[in-house]
Amino acid sequence: DGTYAVVDFKTTEPKPGHIPFYSRQLHAYAYALEHPAPGKFALSPITKLGLFCVEPTAIDRYKDGRIAYIGEVSWLEIPKDETQFLDFIGEVLTVLEQTEPPPPGPRCGYCQYREQTRSSEW
């Protein structure tokens, strides 16, 4: 139909939690493909995003060293919402454009890690 999809191949048991976890990653890929630098490779329109999951139940090894996964295959579609993705990017840019980093959030694991490493004596 003249449209494209961004597909990420995963070797895992498909779970509904994968959809929000990988959504921004696949949206970033789609955005990069639809809005490349001048003269660079482009694909448009991208109408589908998703995870192609293979949940291995067995692995065969051949004499020549190759392997083959045997397992269940499934597709987890991720709804495309470029507006929501660009809103998120706008929030990121707002933080990055500040002259000083914002104070750490109480539930931000990365912020806590940074604070701990700054205060350590190693």
Foldseek 3Di string as FASTA:
>chain_A
DQEAEAEDEEAADDDPVVQVVCVLVRLVVQCCQCDPDPPDHHGDDHQWYKYWYFHFPDKDADPVGDIDGDGDIDIDTHHDDNVVSVVVVVVVVVQVPDPDHDQDDPPDPVNVVVVVVVPDDD
